Amino acid sequence: MAEVSSRKVLLAALLVPGSGHVWLGKASRGFMFLFFIVVFGWLSHKLMPATASIVGRNIGGIFVYGMSVIDAYRTAKLKELKK
């Protein structure tokens, strides 16, 4: 497998949720994050009041998305440091 730059993984993870993990060879982890983005986004959308902003109504999915980006970058950075 070719070397993957942590910056490229970060960009991929920011553009498409879970793609950074897939690029690192951890597809199941990426799909798990994608699944929970959808689940928690849907839950927060249903539980928040109608007067909440679009960000507030989808905060569950946004939070998991942020954690996914951080995890993909951290994993890529650790992989770079081991080499």
PDB file of N, CA and C in Angstrom:
ATOM      1  N   MET A   1       0.838  -1.183   0.000  1.00  0.00           N
ATOM      2  CA  MET A   1       0.000   0.000   0.000  1.00  0.00           C
ATOM      3  C   MET A   1       0.881   1.243   0.000  1.00  0.00           C
ATOM      4  N   ALA A   2       0.527   2.210  -0.811  1.00  0.00           N
ATOM      5  CA  ALA A   2       1.313   3.431  -0.911  1.00  0.00           C
ATOM      6  C   ALA A   2       1.158   4.267   0.356  1.00  0.00           C
ATOM      7  N   GLU A   3       2.176   5.092   0.596  1.00  0.00           N
ATOM      8  CA  GLU A   3       2.116   5.958   1.763  1.00  0.00           C
ATOM      9  C   GLU A   3       1.005   6.982   1.591  1.00  0.00           C
ATOM     10  N   VAL A   4       0.320   7.251   2.674  1.00  0.00           N
ATOM     11  CA  VAL A   4      -0.782   8.197   2.658  1.00  0.00           C
ATOM     12  C   VAL A   4      -0.405   9.373   3.544  1.00  0.00           C
ATOM     13  N   SER A   5      -0.493  10.574   3.004  1.00  0.00           N
ATOM     14  CA  SER A   5      -0.184  11.782   3.761  1.00  0.00           C
ATOM     15  C   SER A   5      -1.334  12.076   4.726  1.00  0.00           C
ATOM     16  N   SER A   6      -0.993  12.507   5.922  1.00  0.00           N
ATOM     17  CA  SER A   6      -2.030  12.821   6.908  1.00  0.00           C
ATOM     18  C   SER A   6      -2.879  14.013   6.455  1.00  0.00           C
ATOM     19  N   ARG A   7      -2.290  14.920   5.705  1.00  0.00           N
ATOM     20  CA  ARG A   7      -3.065  16.066   5.192  1.00  0.00           C
ATOM     21  C   ARG A   7      -4.089  15.619   4.156  1.00  0.00           C
ATOM     22  N   LYS A   8      -3.717  14.669   3.317  1.00  0.00           N
ATOM     23  CA  LYS A   8      -4.660  14.152   2.323  1.00  0.00           C
ATOM     24  C   LYS A   8      -5.794  13.386   2.992  1.00  0.00           C
ATOM     25  N   VAL A   9      -5.455  12.649   4.039  1.00  0.00           N
ATOM     26  CA  VAL A   9      -6.485  11.928   4.795  1.00  0.00           C
ATOM     27  C   VAL A   9      -7.424  12.926   5.457  1.00  0.00           C
ATOM     28  N   LEU A  10      -6.869  13.997   6.014  1.00  0.00           N
ATOM     29  CA  LEU A  10      -7.690  15.035   6.639  1.00  0.00           C
ATOM     30  C   LEU A  10      -8.642  15.655   5.624  1.00  0.00           C
ATOM     31  N   LEU A  11      -8.146  15.978   4.441  1.00  0.00           N
ATOM     32  CA  LEU A  11      -8.985  16.560   3.404  1.00  0.00           C
ATOM     33  C   LEU A  11     -10.092  15.597   2.973  1.00  0.00           C
ATOM     34  N   ALA A  12      -9.735  14.329   2.795  1.00  0.00           N
ATOM     35  CA  ALA A  12     -10.734  13.327   2.408  1.00  0.00           C
ATOM     36  C   ALA A  12     -11.792  13.172   3.490  1.00  0.00           C
ATOM     37  N   ALA A  13     -11.366  13.149   4.748  1.00  0.00           N
ATOM     38  CA  ALA A  13     -12.314  12.991   5.860  1.00  0.00           C
ATOM     39  C   ALA A  13     -13.235  14.199   5.987  1.00  0.00           C
ATOM     40  N   LEU A  14     -12.720  15.376   5.669  1.00  0.00           N
ATOM     41  CA  LEU A  14     -13.559  16.573   5.719  1.00  0.00           C
ATOM     42  C   LEU A  14     -14.582  16.594   4.588  1.00  0.00           C
ATOM     43  N   LEU A  15     -14.186  16.120   3.412  1.00  0.00           N
ATOM     44  CA  LEU A  15     -15.082  16.167   2.260  1.00  0.00           C
ATOM     45  C   LEU A  15     -16.166  15.098   2.288  1.00  0.00           C
ATOM     46  N   VAL A  16     -15.792  13.857   2.617  1.00  0.00           N
ATOM     47  CA  VAL A  16     -16.748  12.748   2.635  1.00  0.00           C
ATOM     48  C   VAL A  16     -16.567  11.984   3.945  1.00  0.00           C
ATOM     49  N   PRO A  17     -17.556  12.014   4.821  1.00  0.00           N
ATOM     50  CA  PRO A  17     -17.414  11.322   6.106  1.00  0.00           C
ATOM     51  C   PRO A  17     -17.070   9.846   5.937  1.00  0.00           C
ATOM     52  N   GLY A  18     -16.047   9.399   6.641  1.00  0.00           N
ATOM     53  CA  GLY A  18     -15.624   8.003   6.604  1.00  0.00           C
ATOM     54  C   GLY A  18     -14.582   7.690   5.549  1.00  0.00           C
ATOM     55  N   SER A  19     -14.393   8.569   4.583  1.00  0.00           N
ATOM     56  CA  SER A  19     -13.459   8.272   3.492  1.00  0.00           C
ATOM     57  C   SER A  19     -12.001   8.279   3.947  1.00  0.00           C
ATOM     58  N   GLY A  20     -11.685   9.048   4.959  1.00  0.00           N
ATOM     59  CA  GLY A  20     -10.317   9.053   5.480  1.00  0.00           C
ATOM     60  C   GLY A  20      -9.949   7.703   6.067  1.00  0.00           C
ATOM     61  N   HIS A  21     -10.880   7.103   6.776  1.00  0.00           N
ATOM     62  CA  HIS A  21     -10.640   5.773   7.339  1.00  0.00           C
ATOM     63  C   HIS A  21     -10.536   4.724   6.236  1.00  0.00           C
ATOM     64  N   VAL A  22     -11.379   4.833   5.225  1.00  0.00           N
ATOM     65  CA  VAL A  22     -11.328   3.882   4.110  1.00  0.00           C
ATOM     66  C   VAL A  22      -9.980   3.978   3.420  1.00  0.00           C
ATOM     67  N   TRP A  23      -9.488   5.190   3.233  1.00  0.00           N
ATOM     68  CA  TRP A  23      -8.194   5.399   2.594  1.00  0.00           C
ATOM     69  C   TRP A  23      -7.054   4.813   3.428  1.00  0.00           C
ATOM     70  N   LEU A  24      -7.215   4.795   4.733  1.00  0.00           N
ATOM     71  CA  LEU A  24      -6.191   4.237   5.624  1.00  0.00           C
ATOM     72  C   LEU A  24      -6.278   2.720   5.738  1.00  0.00           C
ATOM     73  N   GLY A  25      -7.273   2.118   5.095  1.00  0.00           N
ATOM     74  CA  GLY A  25      -7.432   0.665   5.160  1.00  0.00           C
ATOM     75  C   GLY A  25      -8.274   0.212   6.331  1.00  0.00           C
ATOM     76  N   LYS A  26      -9.005   1.132   6.936  1.00  0.00           N
ATOM     77  CA  LYS A  26      -9.877   0.818   8.061  1.00  0.00           C
ATOM     78  C   LYS A  26     -11.327   1.101   7.662  1.00  0.00           C
ATOM     79  N   ALA A  27     -11.772   0.395   6.617  1.00  0.00           N
ATOM     80  CA  ALA A  27     -13.095   0.644   6.045  1.00  0.00           C
ATOM     81  C   ALA A  27     -14.218   0.399   7.043  1.00  0.00           C
ATOM     82  N   SER A  28     -14.103  -0.643   7.835  1.00  0.00           N
ATOM     83  CA  SER A  28     -15.183  -0.931   8.790  1.00  0.00           C
ATOM     84  C   SER A  28     -15.324   0.203   9.811  1.00  0.00           C
ATOM     85  N   ARG A  29     -14.219   0.796  10.217  1.00  0.00           N
ATOM     86  CA  ARG A  29     -14.263   1.919  11.150  1.00  0.00           C
ATOM     87  C   ARG A  29     -14.906   3.140  10.478  1.00  0.00           C
ATOM     88  N   GLY A  30     -14.571   3.370   9.222  1.00  0.00           N
ATOM     89  CA  GLY A  30     -15.159   4.484   8.489  1.00  0.00           C
ATOM     90  C   GLY A  30     -16.655   4.321   8.306  1.00  0.00           C
ATOM     91  N   PHE A  31     -17.096   3.109   7.974  1.00  0.00           N
ATOM     92  CA  PHE A  31     -18.525   2.869   7.804  1.00  0.00           C
ATOM     93  C   PHE A  31     -19.260   2.921   9.139  1.00  0.00           C
ATOM     94  N   MET A  32     -18.590   2.538  10.221  1.00  0.00           N
ATOM     95  CA  MET A  32     -19.188   2.647  11.544  1.00  0.00           C
ATOM     96  C   MET A  32     -19.437   4.117  11.890  1.00  0.00           C
ATOM     97  N   PHE A  33     -18.444   4.969  11.628  1.00  0.00           N
ATOM     98  CA  PHE A  33     -18.632   6.396  11.869  1.00  0.00           C
ATOM     99  C   PHE A  33     -19.767   6.938  11.008  1.00  0.00           C
ATOM    100  N   LEU A  34     -19.815   6.555   9.745  1.00  0.00           N
ATOM    101  CA  LEU A  34     -20.875   7.018   8.852  1.00  0.00           C
ATOM    102  C   LEU A  34     -22.247   6.589   9.367  1.00  0.00           C
ATOM    103  N   PHE A  35     -22.361   5.350   9.836  1.00  0.00           N
ATOM    104  CA  PHE A  35     -23.613   4.841  10.388  1.00  0.00           C
ATOM    105  C   PHE A  35     -24.056   5.684  11.577  1.00  0.00           C
ATOM    106  N   PHE A  36     -23.128   5.977  12.499  1.00  0.00           N
ATOM    107  CA  PHE A  36     -23.501   6.738  13.687  1.00  0.00           C
ATOM    108  C   PHE A  36     -23.743   8.213  13.384  1.00  0.00           C
ATOM    109  N   ILE A  37     -23.134   8.741  12.336  1.00  0.00           N
ATOM    110  CA  ILE A  37     -23.458  10.105  11.909  1.00  0.00           C
ATOM    111  C   ILE A  37     -24.928  10.169  11.520  1.00  0.00           C
ATOM    112  N   VAL A  38     -25.366   9.194  10.748  1.00  0.00           N
ATOM    113  CA  VAL A  38     -26.765   9.164  10.312  1.00  0.00           C
ATOM    114  C   VAL A  38     -27.698   8.936  11.504  1.00  0.00           C
ATOM    115  N   VAL A  39     -27.373   7.967  12.350  1.00  0.00           N
ATOM    116  CA  VAL A  39     -28.243   7.642  13.490  1.00  0.00           C
ATOM    117  C   VAL A  39     -28.382   8.823  14.446  1.00  0.00           C
ATOM    118  N   PHE A  40     -27.254   9.396  14.880  1.00  0.00           N
ATOM    119  CA  PHE A  40     -27.330  10.494  15.840  1.00  0.00           C
ATOM    120  C   PHE A  40     -27.847  11.780  15.201  1.00  0.00           C
ATOM    121  N   GLY A  41     -27.598  11.972  13.914  1.00  0.00           N
ATOM    122  CA  GLY A  41     -28.187  13.112  13.217  1.00  0.00           C
ATOM    123  C   GLY A  41     -29.702  13.000  13.180  1.00  0.00           C
ATOM    124  N   TRP A  42     -30.200  11.812  12.885  1.00  0.00           N
ATOM    125  CA  TRP A  42     -31.650  11.574  12.847  1.00  0.00           C
ATOM    126  C   TRP A  42     -32.259  11.741  14.243  1.00  0.00           C
ATOM    127  N   LEU A  43     -31.595  11.154  15.252  1.00  0.00           N
ATOM    128  CA  LEU A  43     -32.108  11.259  16.627  1.00  0.00           C
ATOM    129  C   LEU A  43     -32.192  12.705  17.097  1.00  0.00           C
ATOM    130  N   SER A  44     -31.115  13.449  16.898  1.00  0.00           N
ATOM    131  CA  SER A  44     -31.130  14.837  17.353  1.00  0.00           C
ATOM    132  C   SER A  44     -32.138  15.655  16.557  1.00  0.00           C
ATOM    133  N   HIS A  45     -32.325  15.324  15.282  1.00  0.00           N
ATOM    134  CA  HIS A  45     -33.315  16.026  14.466  1.00  0.00           C
ATOM    135  C   HIS A  45     -34.724  15.792  15.005  1.00  0.00           C
ATOM    136  N   LYS A  46     -34.991  14.574  15.451  1.00  0.00           N
ATOM    137  CA  LYS A  46     -36.313  14.248  15.986  1.00  0.00           C
ATOM    138  C   LYS A  46     -36.533  14.796  17.393  1.00  0.00           C
ATOM    139  N   LEU A  47     -35.483  14.886  18.198  1.00  0.00           N
ATOM    140  CA  LEU A  47     -35.636  15.272  19.597  1.00  0.00           C
ATOM    141  C   LEU A  47     -35.548  16.774  19.843  1.00  0.00           C
ATOM    142  N   MET A  48     -34.912  17.513  18.959  1.00  0.00           N
ATOM    143  CA  MET A  48     -34.764  18.955  19.167  1.00  0.00           C
ATOM    144  C   MET A  48     -36.070  19.674  18.832  1.00  0.00           C
ATOM    145  N   PRO A  49     -36.311  20.798  19.479  1.00  0.00           N
ATOM    146  CA  PRO A  49     -37.547  21.545  19.181  1.00  0.00           C
ATOM    147  C   PRO A  49     -37.512  22.134  17.775  1.00  0.00           C
ATOM    148  N   ALA A  50     -38.674  22.394  17.243  1.00  0.00           N
ATOM    149  CA  ALA A  50     -38.788  22.932  15.878  1.00  0.00           C
ATOM    150  C   ALA A  50     -38.161  24.320  15.754  1.00  0.00           C
ATOM    151  N   THR A  51     -38.005  25.011  16.856  1.00  0.00           N
ATOM    152  CA  THR A  51     -37.437  26.362  16.812  1.00  0.00           C
ATOM    153  C   THR A  51     -35.907  26.362  16.773  1.00  0.00           C
ATOM    154  N   ALA A  52     -35.287  25.205  16.928  1.00  0.00           N
ATOM    155  CA  ALA A  52     -33.824  25.117  16.915  1.00  0.00           C
ATOM    156  C   ALA A  52     -33.279  25.379  15.508  1.00  0.00           C
ATOM    157  N   SER A  53     -32.057  25.863  15.445  1.00  0.00           N
ATOM    158  CA  SER A  53     -31.425  26.124  14.148  1.00  0.00           C
ATOM    159  C   SER A  53     -31.106  24.804  13.445  1.00  0.00           C
ATOM    160  N   ILE A  54     -30.699  24.883  12.194  1.00  0.00           N
ATOM    161  CA  ILE A  54     -30.352  23.680  11.425  1.00  0.00           C
ATOM    162  C   ILE A  54     -29.180  22.952  12.068  1.00  0.00           C
ATOM    163  N   VAL A  55     -28.237  23.704  12.617  1.00  0.00           N
ATOM    164  CA  VAL A  55     -27.102  23.085  13.308  1.00  0.00           C
ATOM    165  C   VAL A  55     -27.583  22.418  14.588  1.00  0.00           C
ATOM    166  N   GLY A  56     -28.427  23.095  15.327  1.00  0.00           N
ATOM    167  CA  GLY A  56     -28.957  22.539  16.561  1.00  0.00           C
ATOM    168  C   GLY A  56     -29.771  21.285  16.339  1.00  0.00           C
ATOM    169  N   ARG A  57     -30.531  21.251  15.252  1.00  0.00           N
ATOM    170  CA  ARG A  57     -31.373  20.084  14.981  1.00  0.00           C
ATOM    171  C   ARG A  57     -30.559  18.878  14.527  1.00  0.00           C
ATOM    172  N   ASN A  58     -29.348  19.082  14.064  1.00  0.00           N
ATOM    173  CA  ASN A  58     -28.508  17.981  13.569  1.00  0.00           C
ATOM    174  C   ASN A  58     -27.208  17.841  14.349  1.00  0.00           C
ATOM    175  N   ILE A  59     -27.178  18.341  15.571  1.00  0.00           N
ATOM    176  CA  ILE A  59     -25.934  18.403  16.338  1.00  0.00           C
ATOM    177  C   ILE A  59     -25.349  17.020  16.634  1.00  0.00           C
ATOM    178  N   GLY A  60     -26.171  16.013  16.773  1.00  0.00           N
ATOM    179  CA  GLY A  60     -25.663  14.664  17.039  1.00  0.00           C
ATOM    180  C   GLY A  60     -24.792  14.161  15.908  1.00  0.00           C
ATOM    181  N   GLY A  61     -25.265  14.303  14.681  1.00  0.00           N
ATOM    182  CA  GLY A  61     -24.496  13.883  13.516  1.00  0.00           C
ATOM    183  C   GLY A  61     -23.262  14.736  13.303  1.00  0.00           C
ATOM    184  N   ILE A  62     -23.383  16.028  13.560  1.00  0.00           N
ATOM    185  CA  ILE A  62     -22.254  16.936  13.398  1.00  0.00           C
ATOM    186  C   ILE A  62     -21.144  16.586  14.389  1.00  0.00           C
ATOM    187  N   PHE A  63     -21.525  16.254  15.628  1.00  0.00           N
ATOM    188  CA  PHE A  63     -20.544  15.877  16.634  1.00  0.00           C
ATOM    189  C   PHE A  63     -19.781  14.618  16.223  1.00  0.00           C
ATOM    190  N   VAL A  64     -20.502  13.587  15.773  1.00  0.00           N
ATOM    191  CA  VAL A  64     -19.845  12.337  15.368  1.00  0.00           C
ATOM    192  C   VAL A  64     -18.972  12.582  14.133  1.00  0.00           C
ATOM    193  N   TYR A  65     -19.429  13.444  13.222  1.00  0.00           N
ATOM    194  CA  TYR A  65     -18.632  13.805  12.045  1.00  0.00           C
ATOM    195  C   TYR A  65     -17.305  14.431  12.476  1.00  0.00           C
ATOM    196  N   GLY A  66     -17.356  15.346  13.429  1.00  0.00           N
ATOM    197  CA  GLY A  66     -16.130  15.970  13.925  1.00  0.00           C
ATOM    198  C   GLY A  66     -15.197  14.962  14.566  1.00  0.00           C
ATOM    199  N   MET A  67     -15.756  14.042  15.333  1.00  0.00           N
ATOM    200  CA  MET A  67     -14.930  13.008  15.961  1.00  0.00           C
ATOM    201  C   MET A  67     -14.303  12.097  14.904  1.00  0.00           C
ATOM    202  N   SER A  68     -15.035  11.839  13.829  1.00  0.00           N
ATOM    203  CA  SER A  68     -14.531  11.000  12.738  1.00  0.00           C
ATOM    204  C   SER A  68     -13.336  11.657  12.054  1.00  0.00           C
ATOM    205  N   VAL A  69     -13.443  12.949  11.802  1.00  0.00           N
ATOM    206  CA  VAL A  69     -12.347  13.686  11.162  1.00  0.00           C
ATOM    207  C   VAL A  69     -11.108  13.670  12.053  1.00  0.00           C
ATOM    208  N   ILE A  70     -11.302  13.933  13.321  1.00  0.00           N
ATOM    209  CA  ILE A  70     -10.184  13.937  14.262  1.00  0.00           C
ATOM    210  C   ILE A  70      -9.538  12.556  14.335  1.00  0.00           C
ATOM    211  N   ASP A  71     -10.354  11.506  14.400  1.00  0.00           N
ATOM    212  CA  ASP A  71      -9.826  10.151  14.507  1.00  0.00           C
ATOM    213  C   ASP A  71      -9.058   9.744  13.243  1.00  0.00           C
ATOM    214  N   ALA A  72      -9.581  10.093  12.079  1.00  0.00           N
ATOM    215  CA  ALA A  72      -8.893   9.747  10.832  1.00  0.00           C
ATOM    216  C   ALA A  72      -7.536  10.448  10.756  1.00  0.00           C
ATOM    217  N   TYR A  73      -7.507  11.733  11.110  1.00  0.00           N
ATOM    218  CA  TYR A  73      -6.246  12.476  11.065  1.00  0.00           C
ATOM    219  C   TYR A  73      -5.242  11.924  12.076  1.00  0.00           C
ATOM    220  N   ARG A  74      -5.725  11.647  13.289  1.00  0.00           N
ATOM    221  CA  ARG A  74      -4.846  11.108  14.329  1.00  0.00           C
ATOM    222  C   ARG A  74      -4.269   9.759  13.919  1.00  0.00           C
ATOM    223  N   THR A  75      -5.098   8.909  13.336  1.00  0.00           N
ATOM    224  CA  THR A  75      -4.633   7.597  12.888  1.00  0.00           C
ATOM    225  C   THR A  75      -3.578   7.739  11.795  1.00  0.00           C
ATOM    226  N   ALA A  76      -3.822   8.649  10.848  1.00  0.00           N
ATOM    227  CA  ALA A  76      -2.855   8.870   9.768  1.00  0.00           C
ATOM    228  C   ALA A  76      -1.549   9.436  10.303  1.00  0.00           C
ATOM    229  N   LYS A  77      -1.638  10.351  11.256  1.00  0.00           N
ATOM    230  CA  LYS A  77      -0.438  10.968  11.830  1.00  0.00           C
ATOM    231  C   LYS A  77       0.382   9.930  12.599  1.00  0.00           C
ATOM    232  N   LEU A  78      -0.294   9.050  13.346  1.00  0.00           N
ATOM    233  CA  LEU A  78       0.411   7.992  14.067  1.00  0.00           C
ATOM    234  C   LEU A  78       1.076   7.019  13.102  1.00  0.00           C
ATOM    235  N   LYS A  79       0.400   6.746  11.985  1.00  0.00           N
ATOM    236  CA  LYS A  79       0.973   5.865  10.980  1.00  0.00           C
ATOM    237  C   LYS A  79       2.217   6.489  10.362  1.00  0.00           C
ATOM    238  N   GLU A  80       2.197   7.811  10.147  1.00  0.00           N
ATOM    239  CA  GLU A  80       3.368   8.512   9.606  1.00  0.00           C
ATOM    240  C   GLU A  80       4.531   8.471  10.592  1.00  0.00           C
ATOM    241  N   LEU A  81       4.237   8.661  11.864  1.00  0.00           N
ATOM    242  CA  LEU A  81       5.288   8.712  12.875  1.00  0.00           C
ATOM    243  C   LEU A  81       5.954   7.350  13.093  1.00  0.00           C
ATOM    244  N   LYS A  82       5.247   6.267  12.848  1.00  0.00           N
ATOM    245  CA  LYS A  82       5.808   4.931  13.026  1.00  0.00           C
ATOM    246  C   LYS A  82       6.824   4.609  11.956  1.00  0.00           C
ATOM    247  N   LYS A  83       6.749   5.307  10.822  1.00  0.00           N
ATOM    248  CA  LYS A  83       7.674   5.014   9.714  1.00  0.00           C
ATOM    249  C   LYS A  83       8.946   5.755   9.840  1.00  0.00           C
TER     250      LYS A  83
END
